[in-house]
PDB file of N, CA and C in Angstrom:
ATOM      1  N   MET A   1    -169.394  12.819-116.674  1.00  0.00           N
ATOM      2  CA  MET A   1    -168.083  11.684-116.330  1.00  0.00           C
ATOM      3  C   MET A   1    -167.914  11.411-117.912  1.00  0.00           C
ATOM      4  N   ALA A   2    -166.705  11.511-118.511  1.00  0.00           N
ATOM      5  CA  ALA A   2    -166.199  10.977-118.987  1.00  0.00           C
ATOM      6  C   ALA A   2    -165.520   9.111-119.122  1.00  0.00           C
ATOM      7  N   THR A   3    -165.283   8.458-120.246  1.00  0.00           N
ATOM      8  CA  THR A   3    -165.245   7.374-119.573  1.00  0.00           C
ATOM      9  C   THR A   3    -164.251   7.514-120.162  1.00  0.00           C
ATOM     10  N   LEU A   4    -162.785   6.423-119.791  1.00  0.00           N
ATOM     11  CA  LEU A   4    -161.724   6.304-120.768  1.00  0.00           C
ATOM     12  C   LEU A   4    -161.071   5.352-120.845  1.00  0.00           C
ATOM     13  N   ASN A   5    -160.761   5.420-121.712  1.00  0.00           N
ATOM     14  CA  ASN A   5    -160.070   3.898-122.620  1.00  0.00           C
ATOM     15  C   ASN A   5    -159.237   3.441-122.564  1.00  0.00           C
ATOM     16  N   ALA A   6    -158.686   2.300-121.650  1.00  0.00           N
ATOM     17  CA  ALA A   6    -157.296   2.227-121.188  1.00  0.00           C
ATOM     18  C   ALA A   6    -156.166   2.218-122.915  1.00  0.00           C
ATOM     19  N   GLN A   7    -155.406   2.816-122.544  1.00  0.00           N
ATOM     20  CA  GLN A   7    -153.868   2.004-123.424  1.00  0.00           C
ATOM     21  C   GLN A   7    -152.983   1.636-122.914  1.00  0.00           C
ATOM     22  N   VAL A   8    -152.769   0.453-123.817  1.00  0.00           N
ATOM     23  CA  VAL A   8    -152.300  -0.679-123.149  1.00  0.00           C
ATOM     24  C   VAL A   8    -150.182  -0.191-123.053  1.00  0.00           C
ATOM     25  N   VAL A   9    -149.973  -0.318-122.363  1.00  0.00           N
ATOM     26  CA  VAL A   9    -147.642  -0.170-122.240  1.00  0.00           C
ATOM     27  C   VAL A   9    -146.804  -1.797-123.049  1.00  0.00           C
ATOM     28  N   SER A  10    -147.049  -1.607-123.904  1.00  0.00           N
ATOM     29  CA  SER A  10    -146.248  -2.347-124.772  1.00  0.00           C
ATOM     30  C   SER A  10    -144.424  -2.548-124.384  1.00  0.00           C
ATOM     31  N   LEU A  11    -143.582  -3.255-124.658  1.00  0.00           N
ATOM     32  CA  LEU A  11    -142.539  -3.557-124.996  1.00  0.00           C
ATOM     33  C   LEU A  11    -142.184  -3.001-126.236  1.00  0.00           C
ATOM     34  N   THR A  12    -142.504  -2.048-127.179  1.00  0.00           N
ATOM     35  CA  THR A  12    -142.394  -1.064-127.971  1.00  0.00           C
ATOM     36  C   THR A  12    -142.005   0.088-127.412  1.00  0.00           C
ATOM     37  N   GLY A  13    -142.915  -0.085-126.207  1.00  0.00           N
ATOM     38  CA  GLY A  13    -143.038   1.633-125.636  1.00  0.00           C
ATOM     39  C   GLY A  13    -144.792   1.593-126.212  1.00  0.00           C
ATOM     40  N   LEU A  14    -145.372   2.684-125.239  1.00  0.00           N
ATOM     41  CA  LEU A  14    -146.175   3.832-125.426  1.00  0.00           C
ATOM     42  C   LEU A  14    -145.828   5.451-125.455  1.00  0.00           C
ATOM     43  N   SER A  15    -146.423   6.528-125.908  1.00  0.00           N
ATOM     44  CA  SER A  15    -146.543   7.661-125.872  1.00  0.00           C
ATOM     45  C   SER A  15    -148.080   7.710-125.462  1.00  0.00           C
ATOM     46  N   PRO A  16    -148.053   7.753-124.582  1.00  0.00           N
ATOM     47  CA  PRO A  16    -150.177   7.994-123.897  1.00  0.00           C
ATOM     48  C   PRO A  16    -150.836   9.321-124.120  1.00  0.00           C
ATOM     49  N   ASN A  17    -151.163   8.966-124.587  1.00  0.00           N
ATOM     50  CA  ASN A  17    -152.451  10.625-124.821  1.00  0.00           C
ATOM     51  C   ASN A  17    -153.846  10.478-123.522  1.00  0.00           C
ATOM     52  N   TYR A  18    -152.922  12.063-122.815  1.00  0.00           N
ATOM     53  CA  TYR A  18    -153.335  12.573-121.689  1.00  0.00           C
ATOM     54  C   TYR A  18    -154.697  13.250-121.971  1.00  0.00           C
ATOM     55  N   ALA A  19    -156.117  12.976-121.254  1.00  0.00           N
ATOM     56  CA  ALA A  19    -157.477  14.094-121.908  1.00  0.00           C
ATOM     57  C   ALA A  19    -157.319  14.763-120.265  1.00  0.00           C
ATOM     58  N   SER A  20    -158.061  16.140-120.676  1.00  0.00           N
ATOM     59  CA  SER A  20    -158.870  16.823-119.161  1.00  0.00           C
ATOM     60  C   SER A  20    -158.849  16.087-118.226  1.00  0.00           C
ATOM     61  N   ALA A  21    -159.110  16.152-117.071  1.00  0.00           N
ATOM     62  CA  ALA A  21    -159.665  15.537-116.015  1.00  0.00           C
ATOM     63  C   ALA A  21    -161.285  16.117-116.146  1.00  0.00           C
ATOM     64  N   ALA A  22    -162.108  15.658-116.226  1.00  0.00           N
ATOM     65  CA  ALA A  22    -163.607  15.750-116.264  1.00  0.00           C
ATOM     66  C   ALA A  22    -164.063  16.600-115.309  1.00  0.00           C
ATOM     67  N   SER A  23    -164.931  17.940-114.994  1.00  0.00           N
ATOM     68  CA  SER A  23    -165.272  18.580-113.738  1.00  0.00           C
ATOM     69  C   SER A  23    -166.041  17.521-112.665  1.00  0.00           C
ATOM     70  N   GLY A  24    -166.957  17.255-113.759  1.00  0.00           N
ATOM     71  CA  GLY A  24    -167.186  15.216-112.684  1.00  0.00           C
ATOM     72  C   GLY A  24    -167.202  14.118-112.281  1.00  0.00           C
ATOM     73  N   GLY A  25    -165.591  14.478-112.901  1.00  0.00           N
ATOM     74  CA  GLY A  25    -164.946  12.751-112.777  1.00  0.00           C
ATOM     75  C   GLY A  25    -164.606  12.544-114.253  1.00  0.00           C
ATOM     76  N   ASP A  26    -164.295  11.257-113.374  1.00  0.00           N
ATOM     77  CA  ASP A  26    -163.808  10.390-115.083  1.00  0.00           C
ATOM     78  C   ASP A  26    -164.183   9.065-114.440  1.00  0.00           C
ATOM     79  N   LYS A  27    -164.111   7.447-115.526  1.00  0.00           N
ATOM     80  CA  LYS A  27    -163.963   6.915-115.441  1.00  0.00           C
ATOM     81  C   LYS A  27    -163.486   5.901-116.220  1.00  0.00           C
ATOM     82  N   ILE A  28    -162.964   5.046-115.599  1.00  0.00           N
ATOM     83  CA  ILE A  28    -161.753   3.927-116.506  1.00  0.00           C
ATOM     84  C   ILE A  28    -162.303   2.518-115.990  1.00  0.00           C
ATOM     85  N   ALA A  29    -162.255   1.559-117.069  1.00  0.00           N
ATOM     86  CA  ALA A  29    -162.118   0.031-116.782  1.00  0.00           C
ATOM     87  C   ALA A  29    -161.371  -0.529-115.660  1.00  0.00           C
ATOM     88  N   PRO A  30    -161.736  -1.053-114.386  1.00  0.00           N
ATOM     89  CA  PRO A  30    -161.191  -1.549-113.370  1.00  0.00           C
ATOM     90  C   PRO A  30    -160.247  -2.882-114.284  1.00  0.00           C
ATOM     91  N   GLY A  31    -159.054  -3.137-113.502  1.00  0.00           N
ATOM     92  CA  GLY A  31    -158.314  -4.623-113.852  1.00  0.00           C
ATOM     93  C   GLY A  31    -157.269  -5.109-112.644  1.00  0.00           C
ATOM     94  N   GLU A  32    -157.045  -5.534-112.777  1.00  0.00           N
ATOM     95  CA  GLU A  32    -155.039  -6.103-111.828  1.00  0.00           C
ATOM     96  C   GLU A  32    -154.254  -5.386-112.604  1.00  0.00           C
ATOM     97  N   ARG A  33    -154.335  -4.876-113.834  1.00  0.00           N
ATOM     98  CA  ARG A  33    -153.040  -4.562-114.141  1.00  0.00           C
ATOM     99  C   ARG A  33    -153.811  -2.806-114.994  1.00  0.00           C
ATOM    100  N   ALA A  34    -154.574  -2.500-114.638  1.00  0.00           N
ATOM    101  CA  ALA A  34    -154.962  -1.005-114.946  1.00  0.00           C
ATOM    102  C   ALA A  34    -154.753  -0.247-113.581  1.00  0.00           C
ATOM    103  N   PHE A  35    -154.710   1.012-113.918  1.00  0.00           N
ATOM    104  CA  PHE A  35    -153.782   2.315-113.141  1.00  0.00           C
ATOM    105  C   PHE A  35    -154.436   3.559-114.234  1.00  0.00           C
ATOM    106  N   ALA A  36    -153.952   4.106-113.302  1.00  0.00           N
ATOM    107  CA  ALA A  36    -154.205   5.982-113.926  1.00  0.00           C
ATOM    108  C   ALA A  36    -153.638   6.691-113.309  1.00  0.00           C
ATOM    109  N   HIS A  37    -152.572   7.378-114.008  1.00  0.00           N
ATOM    110  CA  HIS A  37    -151.484   8.639-114.324  1.00  0.00           C
ATOM    111  C   HIS A  37    -152.250   9.876-114.780  1.00  0.00           C
ATOM    112  N   ILE A  38    -152.063  10.224-113.440  1.00  0.00           N
ATOM    113  CA  ILE A  38    -152.732  11.661-112.693  1.00  0.00           C
ATOM    114  C   ILE A  38    -151.706  13.090-112.796  1.00  0.00           C
ATOM    115  N   LYS A  39    -151.607  13.920-114.038  1.00  0.00           N
ATOM    116  CA  LYS A  39    -150.642  15.244-113.669  1.00  0.00           C
ATOM    117  C   LYS A  39    -151.177  16.473-113.647  1.00  0.00           C
ATOM    118  N   ASN A  40    -150.440  17.169-112.437  1.00  0.00           N
ATOM    119  CA  ASN A  40    -151.185  18.513-111.534  1.00  0.00           C
ATOM    120  C   ASN A  40    -150.347  19.612-112.486  1.00  0.00           C
ATOM    121  N   GLY A  41    -150.967  20.048-113.313  1.00  0.00           N
ATOM    122  CA  GLY A  41    -150.289  21.313-114.360  1.00  0.00           C
ATOM    123  C   GLY A  41    -150.117  23.082-113.478  1.00  0.00           C
ATOM    124  N   GLY A  42    -151.455  22.700-112.136  1.00  0.00           N
ATOM    125  CA  GLY A  42    -151.481  24.037-111.381  1.00  0.00           C
ATOM    126  C   GLY A  42    -150.417  24.112-110.173  1.00  0.00           C
ATOM    127  N   GLY A  43    -150.793  25.020-109.816  1.00  0.00           N
ATOM    128  CA  GLY A  43    -150.389  25.916-107.967  1.00  0.00           C
ATOM    129  C   GLY A  43    -150.664  24.963-107.600  1.00  0.00           C
ATOM    130  N   SER A  44    -151.064  24.166-106.944  1.00  0.00           N
ATOM    131  CA  SER A  44    -151.663  23.620-105.649  1.00  0.00           C
ATOM    132  C   SER A  44    -151.886  22.287-105.876  1.00  0.00           C
ATOM    133  N   PRO A  45    -152.542  21.900-104.789  1.00  0.00           N
ATOM    134  CA  PRO A  45    -152.223  20.374-104.891  1.00  0.00           C
ATOM    135  C   PRO A  45    -153.437  20.044-104.924  1.00  0.00           C
ATOM    136  N   VAL A  46    -153.918  18.919-105.491  1.00  0.00           N
ATOM    137  CA  VAL A  46    -155.104  18.816-106.493  1.00  0.00           C
ATOM    138  C   VAL A  46    -155.708  16.782-105.266  1.00  0.00           C
ATOM    139  N   THR A  47    -156.530  16.887-104.941  1.00  0.00           N
ATOM    140  CA  THR A  47    -156.831  15.266-104.387  1.00  0.00           C
ATOM    141  C   THR A  47    -157.719  15.047-105.375  1.00  0.00           C
ATOM    142  N   VAL A  48    -157.769  13.198-105.483  1.00  0.00           N
ATOM    143  CA  VAL A  48    -158.126  12.603-106.288  1.00  0.00           C
ATOM    144  C   VAL A  48    -158.540  11.670-106.117  1.00  0.00           C
ATOM    145  N   THR A  49    -160.362  11.085-105.229  1.00  0.00           N
ATOM    146  CA  THR A  49    -160.948  10.851-104.744  1.00  0.00           C
ATOM    147  C   THR A  49    -161.146   9.710-105.602  1.00  0.00           C
ATOM    148  N   LEU A  50    -161.357   8.134-105.386  1.00  0.00           N
ATOM    149  CA  LEU A  50    -161.809   7.173-106.310  1.00  0.00           C
ATOM    150  C   LEU A  50    -162.463   6.093-104.854  1.00  0.00           C
ATOM    151  N   THR A  51    -163.589   6.459-105.704  1.00  0.00           N
ATOM    152  CA  THR A  51    -164.733   5.676-104.784  1.00  0.00           C
ATOM    153  C   THR A  51    -164.860   3.672-104.749  1.00  0.00           C
ATOM    154  N   THR A  52    -164.792   3.977-103.495  1.00  0.00           N
ATOM    155  CA  THR A  52    -165.280   1.876-103.677  1.00  0.00           C
ATOM    156  C   THR A  52    -166.352   1.888-103.342  1.00  0.00           C
ATOM    157  N   THR A  53    -166.084   0.519-104.032  1.00  0.00           N
ATOM    158  CA  THR A  53    -167.930  -0.021-103.760  1.00  0.00           C
ATOM    159  C   THR A  53    -167.492  -1.287-102.915  1.00  0.00           C
ATOM    160  N   ALA A  54    -166.433  -1.525-102.169  1.00  0.00           N
ATOM    161  CA  ALA A  54    -166.494  -3.053-101.139  1.00  0.00           C
ATOM    162  C   ALA A  54    -167.099  -2.655 -99.941  1.00  0.00           C
ATOM    163  N   ALA A  55    -167.108  -3.889 -99.624  1.00  0.00           N
ATOM    164  CA  ALA A  55    -167.342  -4.252 -98.178  1.00  0.00           C
ATOM    165  C   ALA A  55    -166.842  -5.478 -97.099  1.00  0.00           C
ATOM    166  N   VAL A  56    -166.429  -5.201 -96.345  1.00  0.00           N
ATOM    167  CA  VAL A  56    -166.163  -6.282 -95.618  1.00  0.00           C
ATOM    168  C   VAL A  56    -166.677  -6.845 -94.073  1.00  0.00           C
ATOM    169  N   ARG A  57    -167.761  -7.808 -94.443  1.00  0.00           N
ATOM    170  CA  ARG A  57    -168.522  -8.032 -92.994  1.00  0.00           C
ATOM    171  C   ARG A  57    -169.547  -7.146 -92.890  1.00  0.00           C
ATOM    172  N   GLY A  58    -169.666  -6.875 -94.235  1.00  0.00           N
ATOM    173  CA  GLY A  58    -170.558  -5.553 -93.918  1.00  0.00           C
ATOM    174  C   GLY A  58    -170.534  -3.785 -93.788  1.00  0.00           C
ATOM    175  N   GLN A  59    -169.239  -3.933 -93.654  1.00  0.00           N
ATOM    176  CA  GLN A  59    -168.890  -2.111 -93.344  1.00  0.00           C
ATOM    177  C   GLN A  59    -168.428  -1.888 -94.557  1.00  0.00           C
ATOM    178  N   THR A  60    -168.820  -0.660 -94.654  1.00  0.00           N
ATOM    179  CA  THR A  60    -167.752  -0.152 -96.231  1.00  0.00           C
ATOM    180  C   THR A  60    -166.308   0.623 -96.007  1.00  0.00           C
ATOM    181  N   VAL A  61    -165.903   0.112 -97.471  1.00  0.00           N
ATOM    182  CA  VAL A  61    -164.299   0.162 -96.845  1.00  0.00           C
ATOM    183  C   VAL A  61    -164.677   1.752 -97.942  1.00  0.00           C
ATOM    184  N   SER A  62    -163.498   2.173 -96.407  1.00  0.00           N
ATOM    185  CA  SER A  62    -163.231   3.940 -97.309  1.00  0.00           C
ATOM    186  C   SER A  62    -163.218   4.560 -98.410  1.00  0.00           C
ATOM    187  N   ASN A  63    -163.537   5.731 -98.754  1.00  0.00           N
ATOM    188  CA  ASN A  63    -162.685   6.113-100.250  1.00  0.00           C
ATOM    189  C   ASN A  63    -161.586   6.190-100.247  1.00  0.00           C
ATOM    190  N   VAL A  64    -160.241   6.338-101.126  1.00  0.00           N
ATOM    191  CA  VAL A  64    -159.266   6.966-101.274  1.00  0.00           C
ATOM    192  C   VAL A  64    -158.782   7.421-102.107  1.00  0.00           C
ATOM    193  N   THR A  65    -157.996   8.155-101.235  1.00  0.00           N
ATOM    194  CA  THR A  65    -157.360   9.671-101.932  1.00  0.00           C
ATOM    195  C   THR A  65    -156.096  10.188-101.849  1.00  0.00           C
ATOM    196  N   VAL A  66    -155.682   9.968-103.015  1.00  0.00           N
ATOM    197  CA  VAL A  66    -154.736  10.488-103.439  1.00  0.00           C
ATOM    198  C   VAL A  66    -154.637  11.875-103.998  1.00  0.00           C
ATOM    199  N   SER A  67    -153.001  12.528-102.957  1.00  0.00           N
ATOM    200  CA  SER A  67    -153.329  14.066-103.009  1.00  0.00           C
ATOM    201  C   SER A  67    -152.205  13.921-104.068  1.00  0.00           C
ATOM    202  N   VAL A  68    -151.965  14.461-105.562  1.00  0.00           N
ATOM    203  CA  VAL A  68    -151.563  15.326-106.493  1.00  0.00           C
ATOM    204  C   VAL A  68    -151.093  16.630-106.018  1.00  0.00           C
ATOM    205  N   PRO A  69    -149.535  16.778-105.486  1.00  0.00           N
ATOM    206  CA  PRO A  69    -148.498  18.024-105.579  1.00  0.00           C
ATOM    207  C   PRO A  69    -149.206  19.100-106.354  1.00  0.00           C
ATOM    208  N   ALA A  70    -148.821  20.165-106.537  1.00  0.00           N
ATOM    209  CA  ALA A  70    -148.453  20.970-107.818  1.00  0.00           C
ATOM    210  C   ALA A  70    -147.532  20.572-108.585  1.00  0.00           C
ATOM    211  N   SER A  71    -148.004  20.636-109.947  1.00  0.00           N
ATOM    212  CA  SER A  71    -146.454  20.343-110.474  1.00  0.00           C
ATOM    213  C   SER A  71    -146.277  19.359-110.347  1.00  0.00           C
ATOM    214  N   GLY A  72    -146.750  18.640-110.152  1.00  0.00           N
ATOM    215  CA  GLY A  72    -146.637  16.667-109.575  1.00  0.00           C
ATOM    216  C   GLY A  72    -146.811  16.122-110.924  1.00  0.00           C
ATOM    217  N   GLU A  73    -147.293  14.316-110.420  1.00  0.00           N
ATOM    218  CA  GLU A  73    -148.006  13.982-111.094  1.00  0.00           C
ATOM    219  C   GLU A  73    -147.898  12.597-109.786  1.00  0.00           C
ATOM    220  N   ARG A  74    -148.591  11.716-110.132  1.00  0.00           N
ATOM    221  CA  ARG A  74    -149.117  10.204-109.644  1.00  0.00           C
ATOM    222  C   ARG A  74    -149.884   9.099-110.499  1.00  0.00           C
ATOM    223  N   MET A  75    -149.149   7.912-110.094  1.00  0.00           N
ATOM    224  CA  MET A  75    -149.385   6.996-111.202  1.00  0.00           C
ATOM    225  C   MET A  75    -150.410   6.179-109.920  1.00  0.00           C
ATOM    226  N   ILE A  76    -151.837   5.877-109.857  1.00  0.00           N
ATOM    227  CA  ILE A  76    -152.549   5.179-108.810  1.00  0.00           C
ATOM    228  C   ILE A  76    -152.327   4.146-109.163  1.00  0.00           C
ATOM    229  N   GLY A  77    -152.945   3.152-108.504  1.00  0.00           N
ATOM    230  CA  GLY A  77    -153.592   1.893-109.040  1.00  0.00           C
ATOM    231  C   GLY A  77    -152.816   0.012-107.952  1.00  0.00           C
ATOM    232  N   PRO A  78    -152.612  -0.631-108.092  1.00  0.00           N
ATOM    233  CA  PRO A  78    -154.145  -1.436-109.686  1.00  0.00           C
ATOM    234  C   PRO A  78    -155.491  -0.800-109.067  1.00  0.00           C
ATOM    235  N   LEU A  79    -156.506  -0.902-109.626  1.00  0.00           N
ATOM    236  CA  LEU A  79    -157.716  -0.221-109.755  1.00  0.00           C
ATOM    237  C   LEU A  79    -158.423  -1.768-110.108  1.00  0.00           C
ATOM    238  N   THR A  80    -158.707  -2.156-109.525  1.00  0.00           N
ATOM    239  CA  THR A  80    -159.769  -3.286-109.267  1.00  0.00           C
ATOM    240  C   THR A  80    -160.554  -2.885-109.263  1.00  0.00           C
ATOM    241  N   ALA A  81    -161.495  -4.549-109.764  1.00  0.00           N
ATOM    242  CA  ALA A  81    -163.207  -3.885-109.751  1.00  0.00           C
ATOM    243  C   ALA A  81    -163.591  -4.576-107.801  1.00  0.00           C
ATOM    244  N   ASP A  82    -163.072  -5.436-107.477  1.00  0.00           N
ATOM    245  CA  ASP A  82    -163.662  -6.220-106.105  1.00  0.00           C
ATOM    246  C   ASP A  82    -163.926  -5.050-105.675  1.00  0.00           C
ATOM    247  N   LEU A  83    -162.502  -4.036-105.333  1.00  0.00           N
ATOM    248  CA  LEU A  83    -162.490  -2.594-104.427  1.00  0.00           C
ATOM    249  C   LEU A  83    -163.437  -1.112-105.316  1.00  0.00           C
ATOM    250  N   PHE A  84    -163.156  -1.191-106.618  1.00  0.00           N
ATOM    251  CA  PHE A  84    -164.083  -0.446-106.935  1.00  0.00           C
ATOM    252  C   PHE A  84    -164.721  -0.474-108.077  1.00  0.00           C
ATOM    253  N   GLY A  85    -165.078  -1.511-108.376  1.00  0.00           N
ATOM    254  CA  GLY A  85    -165.679  -1.689-109.700  1.00  0.00           C
ATOM    255  C   GLY A  85    -167.852  -1.047-108.935  1.00  0.00           C
ATOM    256  N   GLY A  86    -167.860  -0.552-110.226  1.00  0.00           N
ATOM    257  CA  GLY A  86    -169.462   0.891-109.638  1.00  0.00           C
ATOM    258  C   GLY A  86    -169.937   0.077-109.815  1.00  0.00           C
ATOM    259  N   THR A  87    -171.414   0.038-108.978  1.00  0.00           N
ATOM    260  CA  THR A  87    -172.387  -1.261-108.635  1.00  0.00           C
ATOM    261  C   THR A  87    -173.269  -1.152-109.783  1.00  0.00           C
ATOM    262  N   THR A  88    -173.479  -0.329-110.799  1.00  0.00           N
ATOM    263  CA  THR A  88    -173.925  -0.180-111.784  1.00  0.00           C
ATOM    264  C   THR A  88    -173.643  -0.101-113.250  1.00  0.00           C
ATOM    265  N   ASP A  89    -172.416   0.303-113.410  1.00  0.00           N
ATOM    266  CA  ASP A  89    -171.588   0.263-114.390  1.00  0.00           C
ATOM    267  C   ASP A  89    -170.395  -0.550-114.296  1.00  0.00           C
ATOM    268  N   GLY A  90    -169.740  -0.994-113.254  1.00  0.00           N
ATOM    269  CA  GLY A  90    -168.690  -1.741-112.951  1.00  0.00           C
ATOM    270  C   GLY A  90    -167.328  -0.906-113.250  1.00  0.00           C
ATOM    271  N   LEU A  91    -167.360   0.154-113.663  1.00  0.00           N
ATOM    272  CA  LEU A  91    -166.319   0.887-113.643  1.00  0.00           C
ATOM    273  C   LEU A  91    -165.881   1.498-112.693  1.00  0.00           C
ATOM    274  N   VAL A  92    -164.427   2.276-112.351  1.00  0.00           N
ATOM    275  CA  VAL A  92    -163.583   2.887-111.634  1.00  0.00           C
ATOM    276  C   VAL A  92    -163.789   4.575-111.274  1.00  0.00           C
ATOM    277  N   ALA A  93    -164.997   4.806-110.350  1.00  0.00           N
ATOM    278  CA  ALA A  93    -165.296   6.356-110.664  1.00  0.00           C
ATOM    279  C   ALA A  93    -163.989   7.322-109.607  1.00  0.00           C
ATOM    280  N   LEU A  94    -163.491   8.422-110.675  1.00  0.00           N
ATOM    281  CA  LEU A  94    -162.351   9.037-109.971  1.00  0.00           C
ATOM    282  C   LEU A  94    -162.880  10.849-109.897  1.00  0.00           C
ATOM    283  N   GLY A  95    -162.945  11.020-108.507  1.00  0.00           N
ATOM    284  CA  GLY A  95    -163.195  12.515-108.944  1.00  0.00           C
ATOM    285  C   GLY A  95    -162.162  13.432-108.394  1.00  0.00           C
ATOM    286  N   TYR A  96    -162.086  14.574-108.532  1.00  0.00           N
ATOM    287  CA  TYR A  96    -161.370  15.299-108.432  1.00  0.00           C
ATOM    288  C   TYR A  96    -161.731  16.981-107.506  1.00  0.00           C
ATOM    289  N   SER A  97    -161.036  16.987-106.347  1.00  0.00           N
ATOM    290  CA  SER A  97    -160.875  18.273-106.283  1.00  0.00           C
ATOM    291  C   SER A  97    -161.135  19.988-106.534  1.00  0.00           C
ATOM    292  N   SER A  98    -160.224  19.908-107.627  1.00  0.00           N
ATOM    293  CA  SER A  98    -160.120  20.726-108.982  1.00  0.00           C
ATOM    294  C   SER A  98    -159.492  19.859-110.156  1.00  0.00           C
ATOM    295  N   ASN A  99    -160.084  20.200-111.071  1.00  0.00           N
ATOM    296  CA  ASN A  99    -159.486  19.728-112.543  1.00  0.00           C
ATOM    297  C   ASN A  99    -159.420  20.492-113.111  1.00  0.00           C
ATOM    298  N   THR A 100    -158.821  21.912-112.930  1.00  0.00           N
ATOM    299  CA  THR A 100    -158.132  22.638-113.802  1.00  0.00           C
ATOM    300  C   THR A 100    -156.458  22.822-113.810  1.00  0.00           C
ATOM    301  N   SER A 101    -156.078  22.538-114.678  1.00  0.00           N
ATOM    302  CA  SER A 101    -154.832  22.274-115.268  1.00  0.00           C
ATOM    303  C   SER A 101    -154.414  20.560-114.676  1.00  0.00           C
ATOM    304  N   VAL A 102    -155.580  19.738-115.005  1.00  0.00           N
ATOM    305  CA  VAL A 102    -155.420  18.878-114.676  1.00  0.00           C
ATOM    306  C   VAL A 102    -155.676  17.589-115.840  1.00  0.00           C
ATOM    307  N   THR A 103    -154.643  16.458-116.016  1.00  0.00           N
ATOM    308  CA  THR A 103    -154.634  15.729-117.339  1.00  0.00           C
ATOM    309  C   THR A 103    -154.751  13.796-116.622  1.00  0.00           C
ATOM    310  N   ILE A 104    -155.455  13.067-117.298  1.00  0.00           N
ATOM    311  CA  ILE A 104    -154.734  12.110-116.943  1.00  0.00           C
ATOM    312  C   ILE A 104    -155.162  11.020-118.001  1.00  0.00           C
ATOM    313  N   ALA A 105    -154.166   9.906-117.654  1.00  0.00           N
ATOM    314  CA  ALA A 105    -154.125   8.927-119.140  1.00  0.00           C
ATOM    315  C   ALA A 105    -154.657   7.379-118.357  1.00  0.00           C
ATOM    316  N   ALA A 106    -155.484   6.820-118.428  1.00  0.00           N
ATOM    317  CA  ALA A 106    -155.703   5.453-118.314  1.00  0.00           C
ATOM    318  C   ALA A 106    -154.968   4.267-118.983  1.00  0.00           C
ATOM    319  N   LEU A 107    -154.430   3.617-117.801  1.00  0.00           N
ATOM    320  CA  LEU A 107    -152.948   2.538-118.467  1.00  0.00           C
ATOM    321  C   LEU A 107    -153.267   1.533-117.603  1.00  0.00           C
ATOM    322  N   ARG A 108    -152.628   0.466-119.124  1.00  0.00           N
ATOM    323  CA  ARG A 108    -152.581  -0.938-118.281  1.00  0.00           C
ATOM    324  C   ARG A 108    -151.811  -1.495-119.078  1.00  0.00           C
ATOM    325  N   ILE A 109    -150.989  -2.442-118.067  1.00  0.00           N
ATOM    326  CA  ILE A 109    -149.587  -3.427-118.066  1.00  0.00           C
ATOM    327  C   ILE A 109    -150.252  -4.408-118.676  1.00  0.00           C
TER     328      ILE A 109
END
């Protein structure tokens, strides 16, 4: 897994840098203003799975899945610590059904 540093969106503008999605998934620092921008350059949809760590009344919350269409993109967030913060490192874990032709940018506003 690769840990991605958040790029800050500002009034002067941001031309974000995108990294190739890691085969073992990626991690991002959580936050109320943190989100991921996923681009799928492939010919088939890709499912992004965000691992949840929250529990409500002792019941675990299901992981969040987002379908990114072929040649499409999705912005996913906010990536809050109370829902997604990893129990060992505090980071948000994202997994991909396929990482071929998939890029990601960790962003914060």
